[in-house]
PDB file of all heavy atoms in Angstrom:
ATOM      1  N   PHE A   1      25.915  43.889 -84.248  1.00  0.00           N
ATOM      2  CA  PHE A   1      26.944  44.693 -83.464  1.00  0.00           C
ATOM      3  C   PHE A   1      26.153  45.441 -82.437  1.00  0.00           C
ATOM      4  O   PHE A   1      25.310  46.249 -82.759  1.00  0.00           O
ATOM      5  CB  PHE A   1      27.680  45.599 -84.493  1.00  0.00           C
ATOM      6  CG  PHE A   1      28.859  46.274 -83.913  1.00  0.00           C
ATOM      7  CD1 PHE A   1      30.078  45.671 -83.794  1.00  0.00           C
ATOM      8  CD2 PHE A   1      28.741  47.596 -83.511  1.00  0.00           C
ATOM      9  CE1 PHE A   1      31.200  46.299 -83.329  1.00  0.00           C
ATOM     10  CE2 PHE A   1      29.876  48.224 -82.975  1.00  0.00           C
ATOM     11  CZ  PHE A   1      31.064  47.609 -82.958  1.00  0.00           C
ATOM     12  N   ASP A   2      26.541  45.227 -81.147  1.00  0.00           N
ATOM     13  CA  ASP A   2      25.966  45.963 -80.101  1.00  0.00           C
ATOM     14  C   ASP A   2      27.078  46.759 -79.399  1.00  0.00           C
ATOM     15  O   ASP A   2      28.158  46.257 -79.149  1.00  0.00           O
ATOM     16  CB  ASP A   2      25.420  45.022 -79.055  1.00  0.00           C
ATOM     17  CG  ASP A   2      24.164  44.219 -79.603  1.00  0.00           C
ATOM     18  OD1 ASP A   2      23.142  44.829 -79.761  1.00  0.00           O
ATOM     19  OD2 ASP A   2      24.348  42.972 -79.822  1.00  0.00           O
ATOM     20  N   ILE A   3      26.755  48.042 -79.039  1.00  0.00           N
ATOM     21  CA  ILE A   3      27.734  48.856 -78.341  1.00  0.00           C
ATOM     22  C   ILE A   3      26.997  49.691 -77.357  1.00  0.00           C
ATOM     23  O   ILE A   3      25.852  50.213 -77.575  1.00  0.00           O
ATOM     24  CB  ILE A   3      28.513  49.719 -79.422  1.00  0.00           C
ATOM     25  CG1 ILE A   3      29.608  50.508 -78.654  1.00  0.00           C
ATOM     26  CG2 ILE A   3      27.565  50.696 -80.126  1.00  0.00           C
ATOM     27  CD1 ILE A   3      30.644  51.088 -79.544  1.00  0.00           C
ATOM     28  N   ALA A   4      27.553  49.782 -76.148  1.00  0.00           N
ATOM     29  CA  ALA A   4      27.011  50.560 -75.077  1.00  0.00           C
ATOM     30  C   ALA A   4      28.065  51.454 -74.502  1.00  0.00           C
ATOM     31  O   ALA A   4      29.239  51.131 -74.389  1.00  0.00           O
ATOM     32  CB  ALA A   4      26.474  49.658 -73.955  1.00  0.00           C
ATOM     33  N   PHE A   5      27.654  52.702 -74.125  1.00  0.00           N
ATOM     34  CA  PHE A   5      28.544  53.701 -73.465  1.00  0.00           C
ATOM     35  C   PHE A   5      27.943  53.949 -72.105  1.00  0.00           C
ATOM     36  O   PHE A   5      26.779  54.416 -71.993  1.00  0.00           O
ATOM     37  CB  PHE A   5      28.530  54.984 -74.304  1.00  0.00           C
ATOM     38  CG  PHE A   5      29.021  54.776 -75.718  1.00  0.00           C
ATOM     39  CD1 PHE A   5      28.129  54.739 -76.740  1.00  0.00           C
ATOM     40  CD2 PHE A   5      30.369  54.718 -75.977  1.00  0.00           C
ATOM     41  CE1 PHE A   5      28.582  54.568 -78.081  1.00  0.00           C
ATOM     42  CE2 PHE A   5      30.797  54.554 -77.276  1.00  0.00           C
ATOM     43  CZ  PHE A   5      29.952  54.486 -78.286  1.00  0.00           C
ATOM     44  N   LEU A   6      28.724  53.686 -71.032  1.00  0.00           N
ATOM     45  CA  LEU A   6      28.188  53.831 -69.684  1.00  0.00           C
ATOM     46  C   LEU A   6      29.068  54.950 -68.981  1.00  0.00           C
ATOM     47  O   LEU A   6      30.278  54.884 -69.144  1.00  0.00           O
ATOM     48  CB  LEU A   6      28.290  52.519 -68.938  1.00  0.00           C
ATOM     49  CG  LEU A   6      27.433  51.367 -69.372  1.00  0.00           C
ATOM     50  CD1 LEU A   6      28.136  50.648 -70.504  1.00  0.00           C
ATOM     51  CD2 LEU A   6      27.107  50.505 -68.233  1.00  0.00           C
ATOM     52  N   LEU A   7      28.388  55.812 -68.270  1.00  0.00           N
ATOM     53  CA  LEU A   7      29.070  56.898 -67.643  1.00  0.00           C
ATOM     54  C   LEU A   7      28.751  56.885 -66.125  1.00  0.00           C
ATOM     55  O   LEU A   7      27.677  56.587 -65.665  1.00  0.00           O
ATOM     56  CB  LEU A   7      28.610  58.292 -68.178  1.00  0.00           C
ATOM     57  CG  LEU A   7      29.129  58.621 -69.596  1.00  0.00           C
ATOM     58  CD1 LEU A   7      28.276  59.708 -70.243  1.00  0.00           C
ATOM     59  CD2 LEU A   7      30.576  58.966 -69.559  1.00  0.00           C
ATOM     60  N   ALA A   8      29.797  57.224 -65.399  1.00  0.00           N
ATOM     61  CA  ALA A   8      29.583  57.437 -63.930  1.00  0.00           C
ATOM     62  C   ALA A   8      30.455  58.671 -63.502  1.00  0.00           C
ATOM     63  O   ALA A   8      31.547  58.851 -64.028  1.00  0.00           O
ATOM     64  CB  ALA A   8      30.044  56.182 -63.180  1.00  0.00           C
ATOM     65  N   PRO A   9      29.959  59.452 -62.504  1.00  0.00           N
ATOM     66  CA  PRO A   9      30.734  60.535 -62.028  1.00  0.00           C
ATOM     67  C   PRO A   9      32.020  60.050 -61.444  1.00  0.00           C
ATOM     68  O   PRO A   9      32.007  58.998 -60.760  1.00  0.00           O
ATOM     69  CB  PRO A   9      29.851  61.200 -61.004  1.00  0.00           C
ATOM     70  CG  PRO A   9      28.469  60.604 -61.226  1.00  0.00           C
ATOM     71  CD  PRO A   9      28.665  59.315 -61.896  1.00  0.00           C
ATOM     72  N   ALA A  10      33.086  60.789 -61.555  1.00  0.00           N
ATOM     73  CA  ALA A  10      34.361  60.518 -60.977  1.00  0.00           C
ATOM     74  C   ALA A  10      34.819  61.836 -60.235  1.00  0.00           C
ATOM     75  O   ALA A  10      34.222  62.870 -60.371  1.00  0.00           O
ATOM     76  CB  ALA A  10      35.369  60.057 -61.959  1.00  0.00           C
ATOM     77  N   ALA A  11      35.864  61.701 -59.517  1.00  0.00           N
ATOM     78  CA  ALA A  11      36.358  62.806 -58.707  1.00  0.00           C
ATOM     79  C   ALA A  11      36.678  64.069 -59.574  1.00  0.00           C
ATOM     80  O   ALA A  11      37.039  63.931 -60.720  1.00  0.00           O
ATOM     81  CB  ALA A  11      37.688  62.392 -57.979  1.00  0.00           C
ATOM     82  N   GLU A  12      36.502  65.206 -58.933  1.00  0.00           N
ATOM     83  CA  GLU A  12      36.886  66.471 -59.512  1.00  0.00           C
ATOM     84  C   GLU A  12      36.234  66.809 -60.857  1.00  0.00           C
ATOM     85  O   GLU A  12      36.798  67.321 -61.772  1.00  0.00           O
ATOM     86  CB  GLU A  12      38.376  66.611 -59.636  1.00  0.00           C
ATOM     87  CG  GLU A  12      39.085  66.457 -58.353  1.00  0.00           C
ATOM     88  CD  GLU A  12      40.640  66.396 -58.484  1.00  0.00           C
ATOM     89  OE1 GLU A  12      41.172  66.801 -59.486  1.00  0.00           O
ATOM     90  OE2 GLU A  12      41.272  66.033 -57.478  1.00  0.00           O
ATOM     91  N   GLY A  13      34.951  66.419 -60.980  1.00  0.00           N
ATOM     92  CA  GLY A  13      34.226  66.748 -62.185  1.00  0.00           C
ATOM     93  C   GLY A  13      34.519  65.884 -63.385  1.00  0.00           C
ATOM     94  O   GLY A  13      34.098  66.298 -64.488  1.00  0.00           O
ATOM     95  N   ASN A  14      35.211  64.790 -63.218  1.00  0.00           N
ATOM     96  CA  ASN A  14      35.546  63.868 -64.277  1.00  0.00           C
ATOM     97  C   ASN A  14      34.430  62.800 -64.453  1.00  0.00           C
ATOM     98  O   ASN A  14      33.502  62.742 -63.594  1.00  0.00           O
ATOM     99  CB  ASN A  14      36.888  63.218 -64.028  1.00  0.00           C
ATOM    100  CG  ASN A  14      38.037  64.199 -64.026  1.00  0.00           C
ATOM    101  OD1 ASN A  14      38.050  65.131 -64.882  1.00  0.00           O
ATOM    102  ND2 ASN A  14      39.004  64.033 -63.146  1.00  0.00           N
ATOM    103  N   SER A  15      34.598  61.922 -65.447  1.00  0.00           N
ATOM    104  CA  SER A  15      33.726  60.879 -65.631  1.00  0.00           C
ATOM    105  C   SER A  15      34.502  59.583 -65.893  1.00  0.00           C
ATOM    106  O   SER A  15      35.584  59.600 -66.385  1.00  0.00           O
ATOM    107  CB  SER A  15      32.859  61.089 -66.867  1.00  0.00           C
ATOM    108  OG  SER A  15      32.115  62.321 -66.753  1.00  0.00           O
ATOM    109  N   ASP A  16      33.888  58.492 -65.432  1.00  0.00           N
ATOM    110  CA  ASP A  16      34.421  57.162 -65.861  1.00  0.00           C
ATOM    111  C   ASP A  16      33.510  56.622 -66.923  1.00  0.00           C
ATOM    112  O   ASP A  16      32.308  56.569 -66.888  1.00  0.00           O
ATOM    113  CB  ASP A  16      34.392  56.201 -64.662  1.00  0.00           C
ATOM    114  CG  ASP A  16      35.567  56.484 -63.701  1.00  0.00           C
ATOM    115  OD1 ASP A  16      36.572  57.053 -64.129  1.00  0.00           O
ATOM    116  OD2 ASP A  16      35.338  56.204 -62.490  1.00  0.00           O
ATOM    117  N   LEU A  17      34.116  56.342 -68.060  1.00  0.00           N
ATOM    118  CA  LEU A  17      33.460  55.891 -69.310  1.00  0.00           C
ATOM    119  C   LEU A  17      33.842  54.407 -69.536  1.00  0.00           C
ATOM    120  O   LEU A  17      35.010  54.067 -69.476  1.00  0.00           O
ATOM    121  CB  LEU A  17      33.915  56.675 -70.487  1.00  0.00           C
ATOM    122  CG  LEU A  17      33.458  56.242 -71.851  1.00  0.00           C
ATOM    123  CD1 LEU A  17      31.968  56.274 -72.065  1.00  0.00           C
ATOM    124  CD2 LEU A  17      34.160  57.015 -72.941  1.00  0.00           C
ATOM    125  N   VAL A  18      32.785  53.599 -69.751  1.00  0.00           N
ATOM    126  CA  VAL A  18      32.955  52.177 -70.051  1.00  0.00           C
ATOM    127  C   VAL A  18      32.297  51.986 -71.435  1.00  0.00           C
ATOM    128  O   VAL A  18      31.140  52.376 -71.635  1.00  0.00           O
ATOM    129  CB  VAL A  18      32.390  51.240 -69.021  1.00  0.00           C
ATOM    130  CG1 VAL A  18      32.521  49.779 -69.540  1.00  0.00           C
ATOM    131  CG2 VAL A  18      32.972  51.439 -67.684  1.00  0.00           C
ATOM    132  N   VAL A  19      33.043  51.457 -72.388  1.00  0.00           N
ATOM    133  CA  VAL A  19      32.572  51.160 -73.739  1.00  0.00           C
ATOM    134  C   VAL A  19      32.538  49.621 -73.848  1.00  0.00           C
ATOM    135  O   VAL A  19      33.533  48.968 -73.729  1.00  0.00           O
ATOM    136  CB  VAL A  19      33.401  51.771 -74.814  1.00  0.00           C
ATOM    137  CG1 VAL A  19      32.829  51.472 -76.194  1.00  0.00           C
ATOM    138  CG2 VAL A  19      33.566  53.277 -74.652  1.00  0.00           C
ATOM    139  N   GLN A  20      31.313  49.095 -74.033  1.00  0.00           N
ATOM    140  CA  GLN A  20      31.153  47.657 -74.190  1.00  0.00           C
ATOM    141  C   GLN A  20      30.702  47.349 -75.695  1.00  0.00           C
ATOM    142  O   GLN A  20      29.760  47.951 -76.117  1.00  0.00           O
ATOM    143  CB  GLN A  20      30.062  47.172 -73.215  1.00  0.00           C
ATOM    144  CG  GLN A  20      30.428  47.346 -71.822  1.00  0.00           C
ATOM    145  CD  GLN A  20      29.288  47.057 -70.861  1.00  0.00           C
ATOM    146  OE1 GLN A  20      28.079  47.169 -71.240  1.00  0.00           O
ATOM    147  NE2 GLN A  20      29.617  46.690 -69.621  1.00  0.00           N
ATOM    148  N   VAL A  21      31.496  46.415 -76.279  1.00  0.00           N
ATOM    149  CA  VAL A  21      31.225  46.155 -77.684  1.00  0.00           C
ATOM    150  C   VAL A  21      31.039  44.615 -77.774  1.00  0.00           C
ATOM    151  O   VAL A  21      31.796  43.853 -77.196  1.00  0.00           O
ATOM    152  CB  VAL A  21      32.485  46.573 -78.570  1.00  0.00           C
ATOM    153  CG1 VAL A  21      32.252  46.223 -80.014  1.00  0.00           C
ATOM    154  CG2 VAL A  21      32.791  47.957 -78.304  1.00  0.00           C
ATOM    155  N   ARG A  22      30.019  44.194 -78.520  1.00  0.00           N
ATOM    156  CA  ARG A  22      29.760  42.837 -78.882  1.00  0.00           C
ATOM    157  C   ARG A  22      29.497  42.688 -80.363  1.00  0.00           C
ATOM    158  O   ARG A  22      28.683  43.408 -80.852  1.00  0.00           O
ATOM    159  CB  ARG A  22      28.592  42.249 -78.120  1.00  0.00           C
ATOM    160  CG  ARG A  22      28.848  42.058 -76.659  1.00  0.00           C
ATOM    161  CD  ARG A  22      27.660  41.361 -76.049  1.00  0.00           C
ATOM    162  NE  ARG A  22      26.433  41.866 -76.525  1.00  0.00           N
ATOM    163  CZ  ARG A  22      25.408  42.086 -75.786  1.00  0.00           C
ATOM    164  NH1 ARG A  22      25.404  41.919 -74.509  1.00  0.00           N
ATOM    165  NH2 ARG A  22      24.242  42.585 -76.327  1.00  0.00           N
ATOM    166  N   ALA A  23      30.272  41.795 -81.045  1.00  0.00           N
ATOM    167  CA  ALA A  23      30.102  41.570 -82.462  1.00  0.00           C
ATOM    168  C   ALA A  23      29.789  40.126 -82.702  1.00  0.00           C
ATOM    169  O   ALA A  23      30.453  39.266 -82.129  1.00  0.00           O
ATOM    170  CB  ALA A  23      31.369  41.949 -83.239  1.00  0.00           C
ATOM    171  N   THR A  24      28.739  39.842 -83.436  1.00  0.00           N
ATOM    172  CA  THR A  24      28.329  38.520 -83.746  1.00  0.00           C
ATOM    173  C   THR A  24      28.262  38.280 -85.275  1.00  0.00           C
ATOM    174  O   THR A  24      27.289  38.672 -85.906  1.00  0.00           O
ATOM    175  CB  THR A  24      26.985  38.160 -83.111  1.00  0.00           C
ATOM    176  OG1 THR A  24      26.969  38.492 -81.754  1.00  0.00           O
ATOM    177  CG2 THR A  24      26.563  36.737 -83.207  1.00  0.00           C
ATOM    178  N   PRO A  25      29.305  37.756 -85.846  1.00  0.00           N
ATOM    179  CA  PRO A  25      29.258  37.436 -87.325  1.00  0.00           C
ATOM    180  C   PRO A  25      28.146  36.421 -87.564  1.00  0.00           C
ATOM    181  O   PRO A  25      27.868  35.581 -86.778  1.00  0.00           O
ATOM    182  CB  PRO A  25      30.621  36.809 -87.559  1.00  0.00           C
ATOM    183  CG  PRO A  25      31.493  37.344 -86.493  1.00  0.00           C
ATOM    184  CD  PRO A  25      30.572  37.456 -85.268  1.00  0.00           C
ATOM    185  N   LYS A  26      27.515  36.606 -88.761  1.00  0.00           N
ATOM    186  CA  LYS A  26      26.363  35.748 -89.141  1.00  0.00           C
ATOM    187  C   LYS A  26      26.643  34.978 -90.432  1.00  0.00           C
ATOM    188  O   LYS A  26      27.477  35.410 -91.212  1.00  0.00           O
ATOM    189  CB  LYS A  26      25.114  36.581 -89.296  1.00  0.00           C
ATOM    190  CG  LYS A  26      24.705  37.339 -88.047  1.00  0.00           C
ATOM    191  CD  LYS A  26      23.376  38.081 -88.108  1.00  0.00           C
ATOM    192  CE  LYS A  26      23.128  38.903 -89.379  1.00  0.00           C
ATOM    193  NZ  LYS A  26      21.955  39.674 -89.344  1.00  0.00           N
ATOM    194  N   GLY A  27      26.010  33.884 -90.550  1.00  0.00           N
ATOM    195  CA  GLY A  27      26.092  33.104 -91.815  1.00  0.00           C
ATOM    196  C   GLY A  27      27.543  32.716 -92.045  1.00  0.00           C
ATOM    197  O   GLY A  27      28.267  32.343 -91.161  1.00  0.00           O
ATOM    198  N   VAL A  28      27.909  32.781 -93.292  1.00  0.00           N
ATOM    199  CA  VAL A  28      29.294  32.377 -93.729  1.00  0.00           C
ATOM    200  C   VAL A  28      30.305  33.287 -93.120  1.00  0.00           C
ATOM    201  O   VAL A  28      31.464  32.925 -92.934  1.00  0.00           O
ATOM    202  CB  VAL A  28      29.375  32.487 -95.252  1.00  0.00           C
ATOM    203  CG1 VAL A  28      29.424  33.854 -95.853  1.00  0.00           C
ATOM    204  CG2 VAL A  28      30.590  31.741 -95.734  1.00  0.00           C
ATOM    205  N   PHE A  29      29.921  34.469 -92.586  1.00  0.00           N
ATOM    206  CA  PHE A  29      30.864  35.426 -91.973  1.00  0.00           C
ATOM    207  C   PHE A  29      31.309  34.923 -90.600  1.00  0.00           C
ATOM    208  O   PHE A  29      32.276  35.493 -89.949  1.00  0.00           O
ATOM    209  CB  PHE A  29      30.340  36.830 -91.971  1.00  0.00           C
ATOM    210  CG  PHE A  29      30.342  37.463 -93.296  1.00  0.00           C
ATOM    211  CD1 PHE A  29      29.151  37.415 -94.073  1.00  0.00           C
ATOM    212  CD2 PHE A  29      31.452  38.024 -93.835  1.00  0.00           C
ATOM    213  CE1 PHE A  29      29.177  37.999 -95.346  1.00  0.00           C
ATOM    214  CE2 PHE A  29      31.474  38.600 -95.072  1.00  0.00           C
ATOM    215  CZ  PHE A  29      30.311  38.533 -95.852  1.00  0.00           C
ATOM    216  N   ARG A  30      30.629  33.885 -90.069  1.00  0.00           N
ATOM    217  CA  ARG A  30      31.067  33.323 -88.824  1.00  0.00           C
ATOM    218  C   ARG A  30      32.523  32.709 -88.960  1.00  0.00           C
ATOM    219  O   ARG A  30      33.215  32.641 -87.980  1.00  0.00           O
ATOM    220  CB  ARG A  30      30.105  32.228 -88.390  1.00  0.00           C
ATOM    221  CG  ARG A  30      28.818  32.786 -87.809  1.00  0.00           C
ATOM    222  CD  ARG A  30      27.988  31.654 -87.315  1.00  0.00           C
ATOM    223  NE  ARG A  30      27.737  30.746 -88.414  1.00  0.00           N
ATOM    224  CZ  ARG A  30      26.661  30.057 -88.576  1.00  0.00           C
ATOM    225  NH1 ARG A  30      25.754  29.998 -87.620  1.00  0.00           N
ATOM    226  NH2 ARG A  30      26.471  29.254 -89.600  1.00  0.00           N
ATOM    227  N   LEU A  31      32.861  32.426 -90.138  1.00  0.00           N
ATOM    228  CA  LEU A  31      34.266  31.930 -90.429  1.00  0.00           C
ATOM    229  C   LEU A  31      35.314  33.003 -90.098  1.00  0.00           C
ATOM    230  O   LEU A  31      36.455  32.719 -89.798  1.00  0.00           O
ATOM    231  CB  LEU A  31      34.412  31.491 -91.894  1.00  0.00           C
ATOM    232  CG  LEU A  31      33.580  30.340 -92.372  1.00  0.00           C
ATOM    233  CD1 LEU A  31      33.625  30.131 -93.839  1.00  0.00           C
ATOM    234  CD2 LEU A  31      33.935  29.083 -91.590  1.00  0.00           C
ATOM    235  N   PHE A  32      34.905  34.257 -90.056  1.00  0.00           N
ATOM    236  CA  PHE A  32      35.789  35.340 -89.776  1.00  0.00           C
ATOM    237  C   PHE A  32      35.820  35.750 -88.321  1.00  0.00           C
ATOM    238  O   PHE A  32      36.460  36.721 -87.902  1.00  0.00           O
ATOM    239  CB  PHE A  32      35.436  36.547 -90.582  1.00  0.00           C
ATOM    240  CG  PHE A  32      35.589  36.395 -92.159  1.00  0.00           C
ATOM    241  CD1 PHE A  32      34.478  36.094 -92.958  1.00  0.00           C
ATOM    242  CD2 PHE A  32      36.935  36.463 -92.604  1.00  0.00           C
ATOM    243  CE1 PHE A  32      34.654  35.953 -94.257  1.00  0.00           C
ATOM    244  CE2 PHE A  32      37.038  36.270 -93.969  1.00  0.00           C
ATOM    245  CZ  PHE A  32      35.943  35.971 -94.855  1.00  0.00           C
ATOM    246  N   THR A  33      35.209  34.984 -87.465  1.00  0.00           N
ATOM    247  CA  THR A  33      35.206  35.273 -86.048  1.00  0.00           C
ATOM    248  C   THR A  33      36.558  35.354 -85.498  1.00  0.00           C
ATOM    249  O   THR A  33      36.818  36.381 -84.660  1.00  0.00           O
ATOM    250  CB  THR A  33      34.363  34.151 -85.302  1.00  0.00           C
ATOM    251  OG1 THR A  33      33.017  34.247 -85.749  1.00  0.00           O
ATOM    252  CG2 THR A  33      34.318  34.505 -83.734  1.00  0.00           C
ATOM    253  N   PRO A  34      37.561  34.502 -85.787  1.00  0.00           N
ATOM    254  CA  PRO A  34      38.901  34.716 -85.242  1.00  0.00           C
ATOM    255  C   PRO A  34      39.542  36.060 -85.706  1.00  0.00           C
ATOM    256  O   PRO A  34      40.191  36.696 -84.877  1.00  0.00           O
ATOM    257  CB  PRO A  34      39.645  33.517 -85.794  1.00  0.00           C
ATOM    258  CG  PRO A  34      38.647  32.436 -86.107  1.00  0.00           C
ATOM    259  CD  PRO A  34      37.425  33.246 -86.539  1.00  0.00           C
ATOM    260  N   LEU A  35      39.270  36.421 -86.940  1.00  0.00           N
ATOM    261  CA  LEU A  35      39.760  37.770 -87.370  1.00  0.00           C
ATOM    262  C   LEU A  35      39.137  38.942 -86.589  1.00  0.00           C
ATOM    263  O   LEU A  35      39.746  39.856 -86.223  1.00  0.00           O
ATOM    264  CB  LEU A  35      39.548  37.920 -88.891  1.00  0.00           C
ATOM    265  CG  LEU A  35      39.946  39.249 -89.473  1.00  0.00           C
ATOM    266  CD1 LEU A  35      41.463  39.475 -89.314  1.00  0.00           C
ATOM    267  CD2 LEU A  35      39.601  39.364 -90.929  1.00  0.00           C
ATOM    268  N   VAL A  36      37.829  38.890 -86.408  1.00  0.00           N
ATOM    269  CA  VAL A  36      37.105  39.877 -85.672  1.00  0.00           C
ATOM    270  C   VAL A  36      37.610  39.878 -84.246  1.00  0.00           C
ATOM    271  O   VAL A  36      37.912  40.994 -83.660  1.00  0.00           O
ATOM    272  CB  VAL A  36      35.589  39.580 -85.645  1.00  0.00           C
ATOM    273  CG1 VAL A  36      34.869  40.544 -84.707  1.00  0.00           C
ATOM    274  CG2 VAL A  36      35.028  39.665 -87.024  1.00  0.00           C
ATOM    275  N   ALA A  37      37.954  38.710 -83.630  1.00  0.00           N
ATOM    276  CA  ALA A  37      38.424  38.699 -82.264  1.00  0.00           C
ATOM    277  C   ALA A  37      39.816  39.320 -82.164  1.00  0.00           C
ATOM    278  O   ALA A  37      40.220  39.959 -81.130  1.00  0.00           O
ATOM    279  CB  ALA A  37      38.526  37.246 -81.762  1.00  0.00           C
ATOM    280  N   ARG A  38      40.620  39.306 -83.207  1.00  0.00           N
ATOM    281  CA  ARG A  38      41.939  39.910 -83.274  1.00  0.00           C
ATOM    282  C   ARG A  38      41.841  41.413 -83.503  1.00  0.00           C
ATOM    283  O   ARG A  38      42.647  42.112 -82.910  1.00  0.00           O
ATOM    284  CB  ARG A  38      42.876  39.250 -84.308  1.00  0.00           C
ATOM    285  CG  ARG A  38      43.680  38.108 -83.767  1.00  0.00           C
ATOM    286  CD  ARG A  38      44.733  37.658 -84.780  1.00  0.00           C
ATOM    287  NE  ARG A  38      44.431  37.692 -86.206  1.00  0.00           N
ATOM    288  CZ  ARG A  38      43.829  36.646 -86.888  1.00  0.00           C
ATOM    289  NH1 ARG A  38      43.533  35.604 -86.194  1.00  0.00           N
ATOM    290  NH2 ARG A  38      43.592  36.794 -88.148  1.00  0.00           N
ATOM    291  N   THR A  39      40.947  41.879 -84.344  1.00  0.00           N
ATOM    292  CA  THR A  39      40.937  43.209 -84.737  1.00  0.00           C
ATOM    293  C   THR A  39      40.055  44.118 -83.880  1.00  0.00           C
ATOM    294  O   THR A  39      40.301  45.352 -83.741  1.00  0.00           O
ATOM    295  CB  THR A  39      40.486  43.425 -86.162  1.00  0.00           C
ATOM    296  OG1 THR A  39      39.216  42.847 -86.378  1.00  0.00           O
ATOM    297  CG2 THR A  39      41.506  42.763 -87.157  1.00  0.00           C
ATOM    298  N   LEU A  40      39.054  43.580 -83.273  1.00  0.00           N
ATOM    299  CA  LEU A  40      38.086  44.348 -82.407  1.00  0.00           C
ATOM    300  C   LEU A  40      38.773  45.183 -81.294  1.00  0.00           C
ATOM    301  O   LEU A  40      38.507  46.332 -81.188  1.00  0.00           O
ATOM    302  CB  LEU A  40      36.958  43.472 -81.840  1.00  0.00           C
ATOM    303  CG  LEU A  40      35.835  44.195 -81.152  1.00  0.00           C
ATOM    304  CD1 LEU A  40      35.114  45.079 -82.080  1.00  0.00           C
ATOM    305  CD2 LEU A  40      34.887  43.164 -80.510  1.00  0.00           C
ATOM    306  N   PRO A  41      39.681  44.518 -80.533  1.00  0.00           N
ATOM    307  CA  PRO A  41      40.323  45.346 -79.417  1.00  0.00           C
ATOM    308  C   PRO A  41      41.017  46.567 -79.995  1.00  0.00           C
ATOM    309  O   PRO A  41      40.894  47.712 -79.446  1.00  0.00           O
ATOM    310  CB  PRO A  41      41.244  44.358 -78.795  1.00  0.00           C
ATOM    311  CG  PRO A  41      40.611  42.982 -78.984  1.00  0.00           C
ATOM    312  CD  PRO A  41      40.073  43.151 -80.417  1.00  0.00           C
ATOM    313  N   LYS A  42      41.869  46.405 -81.002  1.00  0.00           N
ATOM    314  CA  LYS A  42      42.651  47.521 -81.581  1.00  0.00           C
ATOM    315  C   LYS A  42      41.719  48.556 -82.158  1.00  0.00           C
ATOM    316  O   LYS A  42      41.930  49.795 -81.899  1.00  0.00           O
ATOM    317  CB  LYS A  42      43.585  46.948 -82.659  1.00  0.00           C
ATOM    318  CG  LYS A  42      44.471  48.071 -83.170  1.00  0.00           C
ATOM    319  CD  LYS A  42      45.469  47.453 -84.165  1.00  0.00           C
ATOM    320  CE  LYS A  42      46.307  48.540 -84.834  1.00  0.00           C
ATOM    321  NZ  LYS A  42      47.257  48.086 -85.836  1.00  0.00           N
TER     322      LYS A  42
END
């Protein structure tokens, strides 16, 4: 599981935040990739 938080300055002292997530099921858990794909966004 890889996750990155990227920040950039935005107008009026705010920030733009980007959260990037990558999940790679391994072994027999690769069978759960469709479930991970459905639940990861939520």
